[in-house]
């Protein structure tokens, strides 16, 4: 049931977004700009998914380590926060690259 609901939601989004392709191909950049925008969106989605998975695994590993040895919490906190910040930076870099690609045309 959940999969069917998700698929219907994605289908509804695709139907709502279809008027975006009705733009003339003149001064606005045409199909090329639209394809770059779609590629940027897909790239951002993949990056966000990867960062989310990485942050989840890092958090799970840190919590498991603290659960096994509570005295290690002080030593794990700073590297854990730095690791999370670096993972978030990867998603932000993807966002910046997507903006630059879209503005290029």
PDB file of N, CA and C in Angstrom:
ATOM      1  N   UNK A   1       0.823  -1.194   0.000  1.00  0.00           N
ATOM      2  CA  UNK A   1       0.000   0.000   0.000  1.00  0.00           C
ATOM      3  C   UNK A   1       0.867   1.257   0.000  1.00  0.00           C
ATOM      4  N   UNK A   2       1.946   1.223   0.750  1.00  0.00           N
ATOM      5  CA  UNK A   2       2.824   2.382   0.849  1.00  0.00           C
ATOM      6  C   UNK A   2       3.507   2.665  -0.489  1.00  0.00           C
ATOM      7  N   UNK A   3       3.880   1.613  -1.203  1.00  0.00           N
ATOM      8  CA  UNK A   3       4.539   1.776  -2.495  1.00  0.00           C
ATOM      9  C   UNK A   3       3.571   2.383  -3.506  1.00  0.00           C
ATOM     10  N   UNK A   4       2.338   1.939  -3.484  1.00  0.00           N
ATOM     11  CA  UNK A   4       1.343   2.467  -4.420  1.00  0.00           C
ATOM     12  C   UNK A   4       1.091   3.945  -4.133  1.00  0.00           C
ATOM     13  N   UNK A   5       1.004   4.300  -2.860  1.00  0.00           N
ATOM     14  CA  UNK A   5       0.803   5.706  -2.495  1.00  0.00           C
ATOM     15  C   UNK A   5       1.980   6.554  -2.945  1.00  0.00           C
ATOM     16  N   UNK A   6       3.186   6.034  -2.773  1.00  0.00           N
ATOM     17  CA  UNK A   6       4.379   6.776  -3.198  1.00  0.00           C
ATOM     18  C   UNK A   6       4.390   6.961  -4.709  1.00  0.00           C
ATOM     19  N   UNK A   7       4.054   5.911  -5.442  1.00  0.00           N
ATOM     20  CA  UNK A   7       4.034   6.012  -6.904  1.00  0.00           C
ATOM     21  C   UNK A   7       2.969   6.994  -7.393  1.00  0.00           C
ATOM     22  N   UNK A   8       1.816   6.992  -6.752  1.00  0.00           N
ATOM     23  CA  UNK A   8       0.771   7.950  -7.126  1.00  0.00           C
ATOM     24  C   UNK A   8       1.197   9.378  -6.817  1.00  0.00           C
ATOM     25  N   UNK A   9       1.908   9.569  -5.726  1.00  0.00           N
ATOM     26  CA  UNK A   9       2.412  10.893  -5.380  1.00  0.00           C
ATOM     27  C   UNK A   9       3.418  11.374  -6.416  1.00  0.00           C
ATOM     28  N   UNK A  10       4.333  10.506  -6.819  1.00  0.00           N
ATOM     29  CA  UNK A  10       5.326  10.876  -7.830  1.00  0.00           C
ATOM     30  C   UNK A  10       4.638  11.167  -9.163  1.00  0.00           C
ATOM     31  N   UNK A  11       3.646  10.369  -9.525  1.00  0.00           N
ATOM     32  CA  UNK A  11       2.903  10.606 -10.767  1.00  0.00           C
ATOM     33  C   UNK A  11       2.195  11.955 -10.717  1.00  0.00           C
ATOM     34  N   UNK A  12       1.601  12.282  -9.573  1.00  0.00           N
ATOM     35  CA  UNK A  12       0.926  13.580  -9.440  1.00  0.00           C
ATOM     36  C   UNK A  12       1.920  14.723  -9.568  1.00  0.00           C
ATOM     37  N   UNK A  13       3.101  14.572  -8.983  1.00  0.00           N
ATOM     38  CA  UNK A  13       4.120  15.611  -9.120  1.00  0.00           C
ATOM     39  C   UNK A  13       4.553  15.783 -10.570  1.00  0.00           C
ATOM     40  N   UNK A  14       4.686  14.680 -11.280  1.00  0.00           N
ATOM     41  CA  UNK A  14       5.077  14.771 -12.690  1.00  0.00           C
ATOM     42  C   UNK A  14       3.997  15.464 -13.520  1.00  0.00           C
ATOM     43  N   UNK A  15       2.743  15.203 -13.221  1.00  0.00           N
ATOM     44  CA  UNK A  15       1.662  15.842 -13.965  1.00  0.00           C
ATOM     45  C   UNK A  15       1.561  17.330 -13.636  1.00  0.00           C
ATOM     46  N   UNK A  16       1.844  17.679 -12.404  1.00  0.00           N
ATOM     47  CA  UNK A  16       1.801  19.088 -12.016  1.00  0.00           C
ATOM     48  C   UNK A  16       2.964  19.842 -12.645  1.00  0.00           C
ATOM     49  N   UNK A  17       4.120  19.210 -12.748  1.00  0.00           N
ATOM     50  CA  UNK A  17       5.316  19.878 -13.250  1.00  0.00           C
ATOM     51  C   UNK A  17       5.370  19.942 -14.773  1.00  0.00           C
ATOM     52  N   UNK A  18       4.488  19.259 -15.485  1.00  0.00           N
ATOM     53  CA  UNK A  18       4.567  19.228 -16.948  1.00  0.00           C
ATOM     54  C   UNK A  18       4.380  20.598 -17.613  1.00  0.00           C
ATOM     55  N   UNK A  19       3.609  21.545 -17.073  1.00  0.00           N
ATOM     56  CA  UNK A  19       3.542  22.858 -17.720  1.00  0.00           C
ATOM     57  C   UNK A  19       4.875  23.593 -17.765  1.00  0.00           C
ATOM     58  N   UNK A  20       5.839  23.185 -16.990  1.00  0.00           N
ATOM     59  CA  UNK A  20       7.152  23.823 -17.011  1.00  0.00           C
ATOM     60  C   UNK A  20       7.841  23.617 -18.345  1.00  0.00           C
ATOM     61  N   UNK A  21       7.490  22.571 -19.069  1.00  0.00           N
ATOM     62  CA  UNK A  21       8.088  22.294 -20.363  1.00  0.00           C
ATOM     63  C   UNK A  21       7.382  23.028 -21.502  1.00  0.00           C
ATOM     64  N   UNK A  22       6.341  23.805 -21.194  1.00  0.00           N
ATOM     65  CA  UNK A  22       5.587  24.503 -22.222  1.00  0.00           C
ATOM     66  C   UNK A  22       6.231  25.810 -22.646  1.00  0.00           C
ATOM     67  N   UNK A  23       7.355  26.167 -22.078  1.00  0.00           N
ATOM     68  CA  UNK A  23       8.026  27.416 -22.395  1.00  0.00           C
ATOM     69  C   UNK A  23       8.595  27.380 -23.812  1.00  0.00           C
ATOM     70  N   UNK A  24       8.597  28.544 -24.446  1.00  0.00           N
ATOM     71  CA  UNK A  24       9.194  28.637 -25.775  1.00  0.00           C
ATOM     72  C   UNK A  24      10.692  28.413 -25.680  1.00  0.00           C
ATOM     73  N   UNK A  25      11.271  27.931 -26.767  1.00  0.00           N
ATOM     74  CA  UNK A  25      12.697  27.646 -26.780  1.00  0.00           C
ATOM     75  C   UNK A  25      13.548  28.823 -27.175  1.00  0.00           C
ATOM     76  N   UNK A  26      13.023  30.022 -27.157  1.00  0.00           N
ATOM     77  CA  UNK A  26      13.745  31.192 -27.623  1.00  0.00           C
ATOM     78  C   UNK A  26      14.842  31.654 -26.692  1.00  0.00           C
ATOM     79  N   UNK A  27      14.653  32.791 -26.084  1.00  0.00           N
ATOM     80  CA  UNK A  27      15.699  33.440 -25.300  1.00  0.00           C
ATOM     81  C   UNK A  27      15.945  32.764 -23.960  1.00  0.00           C
ATOM     82  N   UNK A  28      15.044  31.935 -23.510  1.00  0.00           N
ATOM     83  CA  UNK A  28      15.173  31.350 -22.179  1.00  0.00           C
ATOM     84  C   UNK A  28      16.152  30.193 -22.132  1.00  0.00           C
ATOM     85  N   UNK A  29      16.607  29.690 -23.234  1.00  0.00           N
ATOM     86  CA  UNK A  29      17.572  28.600 -23.206  1.00  0.00           C
ATOM     87  C   UNK A  29      17.015  27.306 -23.744  1.00  0.00           C
ATOM     88  N   UNK A  30      15.715  27.185 -23.847  1.00  0.00           N
ATOM     89  CA  UNK A  30      15.107  26.025 -24.464  1.00  0.00           C
ATOM     90  C   UNK A  30      15.252  24.746 -23.660  1.00  0.00           C
ATOM     91  N   UNK A  31      15.331  23.663 -24.406  1.00  0.00           N
ATOM     92  CA  UNK A  31      15.355  22.338 -23.797  1.00  0.00           C
ATOM     93  C   UNK A  31      16.648  22.108 -23.019  1.00  0.00           C
ATOM     94  N   UNK A  32      17.769  22.644 -23.494  1.00  0.00           N
ATOM     95  CA  UNK A  32      19.046  22.434 -22.822  1.00  0.00           C
ATOM     96  C   UNK A  32      19.031  22.906 -21.392  1.00  0.00           C
ATOM     97  N   UNK A  33      18.465  24.060 -21.160  1.00  0.00           N
ATOM     98  CA  UNK A  33      18.393  24.600 -19.792  1.00  0.00           C
ATOM     99  C   UNK A  33      17.476  23.752 -18.927  1.00  0.00           C
ATOM    100  N   UNK A  34      16.404  23.287 -19.498  1.00  0.00           N
ATOM    101  CA  UNK A  34      15.486  22.421 -18.744  1.00  0.00           C
ATOM    102  C   UNK A  34      16.133  21.102 -18.369  1.00  0.00           C
ATOM    103  N   UNK A  35      16.906  20.534 -19.301  1.00  0.00           N
ATOM    104  CA  UNK A  35      17.577  19.275 -19.004  1.00  0.00           C
ATOM    105  C   UNK A  35      18.665  19.460 -17.949  1.00  0.00           C
ATOM    106  N   UNK A  36      19.353  20.605 -17.988  1.00  0.00           N
ATOM    107  CA  UNK A  36      20.345  20.878 -16.943  1.00  0.00           C
ATOM    108  C   UNK A  36      19.648  21.020 -15.598  1.00  0.00           C
ATOM    109  N   UNK A  37      18.494  21.645 -15.577  1.00  0.00           N
ATOM    110  CA  UNK A  37      17.751  21.794 -14.327  1.00  0.00           C
ATOM    111  C   UNK A  37      17.306  20.433 -13.801  1.00  0.00           C
ATOM    112  N   UNK A  38      16.842  19.569 -14.686  1.00  0.00           N
ATOM    113  CA  UNK A  38      16.434  18.230 -14.261  1.00  0.00           C
ATOM    114  C   UNK A  38      17.649  17.445 -13.752  1.00  0.00           C
ATOM    115  N   UNK A  39      18.757  17.541 -14.475  1.00  0.00           N
ATOM    116  CA  UNK A  39      19.978  16.865 -14.040  1.00  0.00           C
ATOM    117  C   UNK A  39      20.468  17.379 -12.695  1.00  0.00           C
ATOM    118  N   UNK A  40      20.374  18.690 -12.497  1.00  0.00           N
ATOM    119  CA  UNK A  40      20.781  19.268 -11.217  1.00  0.00           C
ATOM    120  C   UNK A  40      19.887  18.771 -10.088  1.00  0.00           C
ATOM    121  N   UNK A  41      18.596  18.687 -10.358  1.00  0.00           N
ATOM    122  CA  UNK A  41      17.673  18.173  -9.345  1.00  0.00           C
ATOM    123  C   UNK A  41      17.931  16.716  -9.005  1.00  0.00           C
ATOM    124  N   UNK A  42      18.185  15.911 -10.028  1.00  0.00           N
ATOM    125  CA  UNK A  42      18.487  14.499  -9.788  1.00  0.00           C
ATOM    126  C   UNK A  42      19.811  14.365  -9.025  1.00  0.00           C
ATOM    127  N   UNK A  43      20.806  15.161  -9.419  1.00  0.00           N
ATOM    128  CA  UNK A  43      22.088  15.129  -8.713  1.00  0.00           C
ATOM    129  C   UNK A  43      21.949  15.526  -7.251  1.00  0.00           C
ATOM    130  N   UNK A  44      21.143  16.555  -6.996  1.00  0.00           N
ATOM    131  CA  UNK A  44      20.903  16.966  -5.616  1.00  0.00           C
ATOM    132  C   UNK A  44      20.192  15.872  -4.830  1.00  0.00           C
ATOM    133  N   UNK A  45      19.254  15.207  -5.471  1.00  0.00           N
ATOM    134  CA  UNK A  45      18.546  14.119  -4.799  1.00  0.00           C
ATOM    135  C   UNK A  45      19.474  12.968  -4.445  1.00  0.00           C
ATOM    136  N   UNK A  46      20.343  12.596  -5.375  1.00  0.00           N
ATOM    137  CA  UNK A  46      21.296  11.517  -5.117  1.00  0.00           C
ATOM    138  C   UNK A  46      22.273  11.919  -4.022  1.00  0.00           C
ATOM    139  N   UNK A  47      22.741  13.160  -4.067  1.00  0.00           N
ATOM    140  CA  UNK A  47      23.672  13.626  -3.032  1.00  0.00           C
ATOM    141  C   UNK A  47      23.001  13.653  -1.665  1.00  0.00           C
ATOM    142  N   UNK A  48      21.762  14.134  -1.602  1.00  0.00           N
ATOM    143  CA  UNK A  48      21.055  14.181  -0.325  1.00  0.00           C
ATOM    144  C   UNK A  48      20.817  12.775   0.213  1.00  0.00           C
ATOM    145  N   UNK A  49      20.495  11.854  -0.676  1.00  0.00           N
ATOM    146  CA  UNK A  49      20.293  10.461  -0.254  1.00  0.00           C
ATOM    147  C   UNK A  49      21.589   9.878   0.308  1.00  0.00           C
ATOM    148  N   UNK A  50      22.684  10.092  -0.394  1.00  0.00           N
ATOM    149  CA  UNK A  50      23.969   9.567   0.059  1.00  0.00           C
ATOM    150  C   UNK A  50      24.405  10.173   1.375  1.00  0.00           C
ATOM    151  N   UNK A  51      24.218  11.480   1.511  1.00  0.00           N
ATOM    152  CA  UNK A  51      24.589  12.146   2.762  1.00  0.00           C
ATOM    153  C   UNK A  51      23.704  11.661   3.904  1.00  0.00           C
ATOM    154  N   UNK A  52      22.436  11.493   3.634  1.00  0.00           N
ATOM    155  CA  UNK A  52      21.534  10.991   4.671  1.00  0.00           C
ATOM    156  C   UNK A  52      21.903   9.587   5.130  1.00  0.00           C
ATOM    157  N   UNK A  53      22.238   8.741   4.168  1.00  0.00           N
ATOM    158  CA  UNK A  53      22.662   7.378   4.520  1.00  0.00           C
ATOM    159  C   UNK A  53      23.965   7.411   5.321  1.00  0.00           C
ATOM    160  N   UNK A  54      24.908   8.236   4.898  1.00  0.00           N
ATOM    161  CA  UNK A  54      26.178   8.337   5.615  1.00  0.00           C
ATOM    162  C   UNK A  54      26.011   8.860   7.025  1.00  0.00           C
ATOM    163  N   UNK A  55      25.169   9.872   7.178  1.00  0.00           N
ATOM    164  CA  UNK A  55      24.940  10.424   8.508  1.00  0.00           C
ATOM    165  C   UNK A  55      24.222   9.417   9.396  1.00  0.00           C
ATOM    166  N   UNK A  56      23.308   8.676   8.831  1.00  0.00           N
ATOM    167  CA  UNK A  56      22.618   7.652   9.612  1.00  0.00           C
ATOM    168  C   UNK A  56      23.563   6.569  10.089  1.00  0.00           C
ATOM    169  N   UNK A  57      24.429   6.122   9.191  1.00  0.00           N
ATOM    170  CA  UNK A  57      25.386   5.085   9.584  1.00  0.00           C
ATOM    171  C   UNK A  57      26.385   5.607  10.600  1.00  0.00           C
ATOM    172  N   UNK A  58      26.853   6.827  10.427  1.00  0.00           N
ATOM    173  CA  UNK A  58      27.802   7.405  11.380  1.00  0.00           C
ATOM    174  C   UNK A  58      27.163   7.559  12.756  1.00  0.00           C
ATOM    175  N   UNK A  59      25.926   8.024  12.775  1.00  0.00           N
ATOM    176  CA  UNK A  59      25.227   8.181  14.048  1.00  0.00           C
ATOM    177  C   UNK A  59      25.004   6.831  14.712  1.00  0.00           C
ATOM    178  N   UNK A  60      24.600   5.842  13.932  1.00  0.00           N
ATOM    179  CA  UNK A  60      24.382   4.510  14.495  1.00  0.00           C
ATOM    180  C   UNK A  60      25.671   3.942  15.066  1.00  0.00           C
ATOM    181  N   UNK A  61      26.771   4.109  14.343  1.00  0.00           N
ATOM    182  CA  UNK A  61      28.055   3.592  14.830  1.00  0.00           C
ATOM    183  C   UNK A  61      28.498   4.321  16.104  1.00  0.00           C
ATOM    184  N   UNK A  62      28.307   5.632  16.140  1.00  0.00           N
ATOM    185  CA  UNK A  62      28.696   6.392  17.331  1.00  0.00           C
ATOM    186  C   UNK A  62      27.840   6.000  18.537  1.00  0.00           C
ATOM    187  N   UNK A  63      26.546   5.858  18.335  1.00  0.00           N
ATOM    188  CA  UNK A  63      25.671   5.491  19.446  1.00  0.00           C
ATOM    189  C   UNK A  63      25.959   4.071  19.934  1.00  0.00           C
ATOM    190  N   UNK A  64      26.260   3.179  19.006  1.00  0.00           N
ATOM    191  CA  UNK A  64      26.610   1.807  19.401  1.00  0.00           C
ATOM    192  C   UNK A  64      27.919   1.808  20.198  1.00  0.00           C
ATOM    193  N   UNK A  65      28.875   2.591  19.761  1.00  0.00           N
ATOM    194  CA  UNK A  65      30.147   2.679  20.465  1.00  0.00           C
ATOM    195  C   UNK A  65      29.967   3.261  21.864  1.00  0.00           C
ATOM    196  N   UNK A  66      29.153   4.286  21.975  1.00  0.00           N
ATOM    197  CA  UNK A  66      28.893   4.886  23.291  1.00  0.00           C
ATOM    198  C   UNK A  66      28.112   3.902  24.167  1.00  0.00           C
ATOM    199  N   UNK A  67      27.211   3.139  23.550  1.00  0.00           N
ATOM    200  CA  UNK A  67      26.467   2.141  24.312  1.00  0.00           C
ATOM    201  C   UNK A  67      27.363   1.048  24.867  1.00  0.00           C
ATOM    202  N   UNK A  68      28.369   0.668  24.115  1.00  0.00           N
ATOM    203  CA  UNK A  68      29.292  -0.375  24.580  1.00  0.00           C
ATOM    204  C   UNK A  68      30.286   0.166  25.600  1.00  0.00           C
ATOM    205  N   UNK A  69      30.703   1.414  25.420  1.00  0.00           N
ATOM    206  CA  UNK A  69      31.687   2.010  26.329  1.00  0.00           C
ATOM    207  C   UNK A  69      31.267   3.454  26.616  1.00  0.00           C
ATOM    208  N   UNK A  70      30.458   3.672  27.646  1.00  0.00           N
ATOM    209  CA  UNK A  70      29.964   5.028  27.933  1.00  0.00           C
ATOM    210  C   UNK A  70      31.065   6.047  28.222  1.00  0.00           C
ATOM    211  N   UNK A  71      32.222   5.595  28.648  1.00  0.00           N
ATOM    212  CA  UNK A  71      33.308   6.525  28.945  1.00  0.00           C
ATOM    213  C   UNK A  71      33.909   7.138  27.681  1.00  0.00           C
ATOM    214  N   UNK A  72      33.617   6.576  26.533  1.00  0.00           N
ATOM    215  CA  UNK A  72      34.185   7.084  25.276  1.00  0.00           C
ATOM    216  C   UNK A  72      33.366   8.216  24.662  1.00  0.00           C
ATOM    217  N   UNK A  73      32.282   8.601  25.301  1.00  0.00           N
ATOM    218  CA  UNK A  73      31.402   9.628  24.730  1.00  0.00           C
ATOM    219  C   UNK A  73      32.139  10.953  24.534  1.00  0.00           C
ATOM    220  N   UNK A  74      32.978  11.320  25.483  1.00  0.00           N
ATOM    221  CA  UNK A  74      33.711  12.586  25.366  1.00  0.00           C
ATOM    222  C   UNK A  74      34.711  12.558  24.215  1.00  0.00           C
ATOM    223  N   UNK A  75      35.315  11.414  23.982  1.00  0.00           N
ATOM    224  CA  UNK A  75      36.314  11.303  22.916  1.00  0.00           C
ATOM    225  C   UNK A  75      35.672  11.176  21.540  1.00  0.00           C
ATOM    226  N   UNK A  76      34.438  10.708  21.480  1.00  0.00           N
ATOM    227  CA  UNK A  76      33.763  10.518  20.195  1.00  0.00           C
ATOM    228  C   UNK A  76      33.032  11.756  19.708  1.00  0.00           C
ATOM    229  N   UNK A  77      32.664  12.641  20.607  1.00  0.00           N
ATOM    230  CA  UNK A  77      31.780  13.751  20.240  1.00  0.00           C
ATOM    231  C   UNK A  77      32.391  14.665  19.177  1.00  0.00           C
ATOM    232  N   UNK A  78      33.591  15.143  19.396  1.00  0.00           N
ATOM    233  CA  UNK A  78      34.191  16.103  18.463  1.00  0.00           C
ATOM    234  C   UNK A  78      34.443  15.493  17.075  1.00  0.00           C
ATOM    235  N   UNK A  79      35.058  14.314  16.956  1.00  0.00           N
ATOM    236  CA  UNK A  79      35.220  13.734  15.612  1.00  0.00           C
ATOM    237  C   UNK A  79      33.887  13.424  14.934  1.00  0.00           C
ATOM    238  N   UNK A  80      32.882  13.058  15.730  1.00  0.00           N
ATOM    239  CA  UNK A  80      31.563  12.770  15.175  1.00  0.00           C
ATOM    240  C   UNK A  80      30.942  14.026  14.574  1.00  0.00           C
ATOM    241  N   UNK A  81      31.004  15.136  15.287  1.00  0.00           N
ATOM    242  CA  UNK A  81      30.435  16.393  14.787  1.00  0.00           C
ATOM    243  C   UNK A  81      31.206  16.871  13.553  1.00  0.00           C
ATOM    244  N   UNK A  82      32.521  16.736  13.567  1.00  0.00           N
ATOM    245  CA  UNK A  82      33.316  17.138  12.395  1.00  0.00           C
ATOM    246  C   UNK A  82      32.954  16.276  11.192  1.00  0.00           C
ATOM    247  N   UNK A  83      32.783  14.979  11.414  1.00  0.00           N
ATOM    248  CA  UNK A  83      32.385  14.085  10.319  1.00  0.00           C
ATOM    249  C   UNK A  83      31.024  14.450   9.752  1.00  0.00           C
ATOM    250  N   UNK A  84      30.069  14.763  10.623  1.00  0.00           N
ATOM    251  CA  UNK A  84      28.745  15.172  10.148  1.00  0.00           C
ATOM    252  C   UNK A  84      28.819  16.476   9.361  1.00  0.00           C
ATOM    253  N   UNK A  85      29.643  17.403   9.823  1.00  0.00           N
ATOM    254  CA  UNK A  85      29.790  18.679   9.109  1.00  0.00           C
ATOM    255  C   UNK A  85      30.401  18.461   7.731  1.00  0.00           C
ATOM    256  N   UNK A  86      31.372  17.565   7.631  1.00  0.00           N
ATOM    257  CA  UNK A  86      31.971  17.294   6.324  1.00  0.00           C
ATOM    258  C   UNK A  86      30.980  16.611   5.389  1.00  0.00           C
ATOM    259  N   UNK A  87      30.139  15.741   5.932  1.00  0.00           N
ATOM    260  CA  UNK A  87      29.107  15.109   5.097  1.00  0.00           C
ATOM    261  C   UNK A  87      28.113  16.145   4.586  1.00  0.00           C
ATOM    262  N   UNK A  88      27.695  17.057   5.446  1.00  0.00           N
ATOM    263  CA  UNK A  88      26.787  18.119   5.014  1.00  0.00           C
ATOM    264  C   UNK A  88      27.442  19.008   3.967  1.00  0.00           C
ATOM    265  N   UNK A  89      28.746  19.226   4.094  1.00  0.00           N
ATOM    266  CA  UNK A  89      29.457  20.054   3.118  1.00  0.00           C
ATOM    267  C   UNK A  89      29.401  19.427   1.734  1.00  0.00           C
ATOM    268  N   UNK A  90      29.424  18.105   1.654  1.00  0.00           N
ATOM    269  CA  UNK A  90      29.325  17.447   0.343  1.00  0.00           C
ATOM    270  C   UNK A  90      27.987  17.749  -0.322  1.00  0.00           C
ATOM    271  N   UNK A  91      26.916  17.733   0.453  1.00  0.00           N
ATOM    272  CA  UNK A  91      25.605  18.059  -0.111  1.00  0.00           C
ATOM    273  C   UNK A  91      25.550  19.524  -0.528  1.00  0.00           C
ATOM    274  N   UNK A  92      26.143  20.404   0.261  1.00  0.00           N
ATOM    275  CA  UNK A  92      26.146  21.824  -0.099  1.00  0.00           C
ATOM    276  C   UNK A  92      26.988  22.084  -1.346  1.00  0.00           C
ATOM    277  N   UNK A  93      28.109  21.377  -1.497  1.00  0.00           N
ATOM    278  CA  UNK A  93      28.917  21.511  -2.713  1.00  0.00           C
ATOM    279  C   UNK A  93      28.111  21.083  -3.934  1.00  0.00           C
ATOM    280  N   UNK A  94      27.349  20.024  -3.806  1.00  0.00           N
ATOM    281  CA  UNK A  94      26.498  19.581  -4.913  1.00  0.00           C
ATOM    282  C   UNK A  94      25.480  20.652  -5.261  1.00  0.00           C
ATOM    283  N   UNK A  95      24.908  21.282  -4.243  1.00  0.00           N
ATOM    284  CA  UNK A  95      23.943  22.347  -4.476  1.00  0.00           C
ATOM    285  C   UNK A  95      24.580  23.524  -5.209  1.00  0.00           C
ATOM    286  N   UNK A  96      25.772  23.916  -4.794  1.00  0.00           N
ATOM    287  CA  UNK A  96      26.471  25.041  -5.432  1.00  0.00           C
ATOM    288  C   UNK A  96      26.809  24.706  -6.880  1.00  0.00           C
ATOM    289  N   UNK A  97      27.274  23.500  -7.145  1.00  0.00           N
ATOM    290  CA  UNK A  97      27.591  23.085  -8.518  1.00  0.00           C
ATOM    291  C   UNK A  97      26.331  23.079  -9.372  1.00  0.00           C
ATOM    292  N   UNK A  98      25.214  22.623  -8.806  1.00  0.00           N
ATOM    293  CA  UNK A  98      23.958  22.616  -9.549  1.00  0.00           C
ATOM    294  C   UNK A  98      23.527  24.041  -9.902  1.00  0.00           C
ATOM    295  N   UNK A  99      23.692  24.967  -8.961  1.00  0.00           N
ATOM    296  CA  UNK A  99      23.345  26.377  -9.242  1.00  0.00           C
ATOM    297  C   UNK A  99      24.244  26.931 -10.349  1.00  0.00           C
ATOM    298  N   UNK A 100      25.560  26.638 -10.285  1.00  0.00           N
ATOM    299  CA  UNK A 100      26.475  27.138 -11.299  1.00  0.00           C
ATOM    300  C   UNK A 100      26.140  26.563 -12.671  1.00  0.00           C
ATOM    301  N   UNK A 101      25.785  25.280 -12.730  1.00  0.00           N
ATOM    302  CA  UNK A 101      25.422  24.681 -14.018  1.00  0.00           C
ATOM    303  C   UNK A 101      24.160  25.317 -14.576  1.00  0.00           C
ATOM    304  N   UNK A 102      23.195  25.584 -13.718  1.00  0.00           N
ATOM    305  CA  UNK A 102      21.948  26.167 -14.181  1.00  0.00           C
ATOM    306  C   UNK A 102      22.149  27.610 -14.638  1.00  0.00           C
ATOM    307  N   UNK A 103      23.005  28.360 -13.956  1.00  0.00           N
ATOM    308  CA  UNK A 103      23.259  29.759 -14.312  1.00  0.00           C
ATOM    309  C   UNK A 103      24.164  29.899 -15.540  1.00  0.00           C
ATOM    310  N   UNK A 104      24.849  28.835 -15.901  1.00  0.00           N
ATOM    311  CA  UNK A 104      25.804  28.892 -17.010  1.00  0.00           C
ATOM    312  C   UNK A 104      25.110  29.192 -18.337  1.00  0.00           C
ATOM    313  N   UNK A 105      23.929  28.647 -18.517  1.00  0.00           N
ATOM    314  CA  UNK A 105      23.247  28.864 -19.810  1.00  0.00           C
ATOM    315  C   UNK A 105      22.516  30.166 -19.864  1.00  0.00           C
TER     316      UNK A 105
END
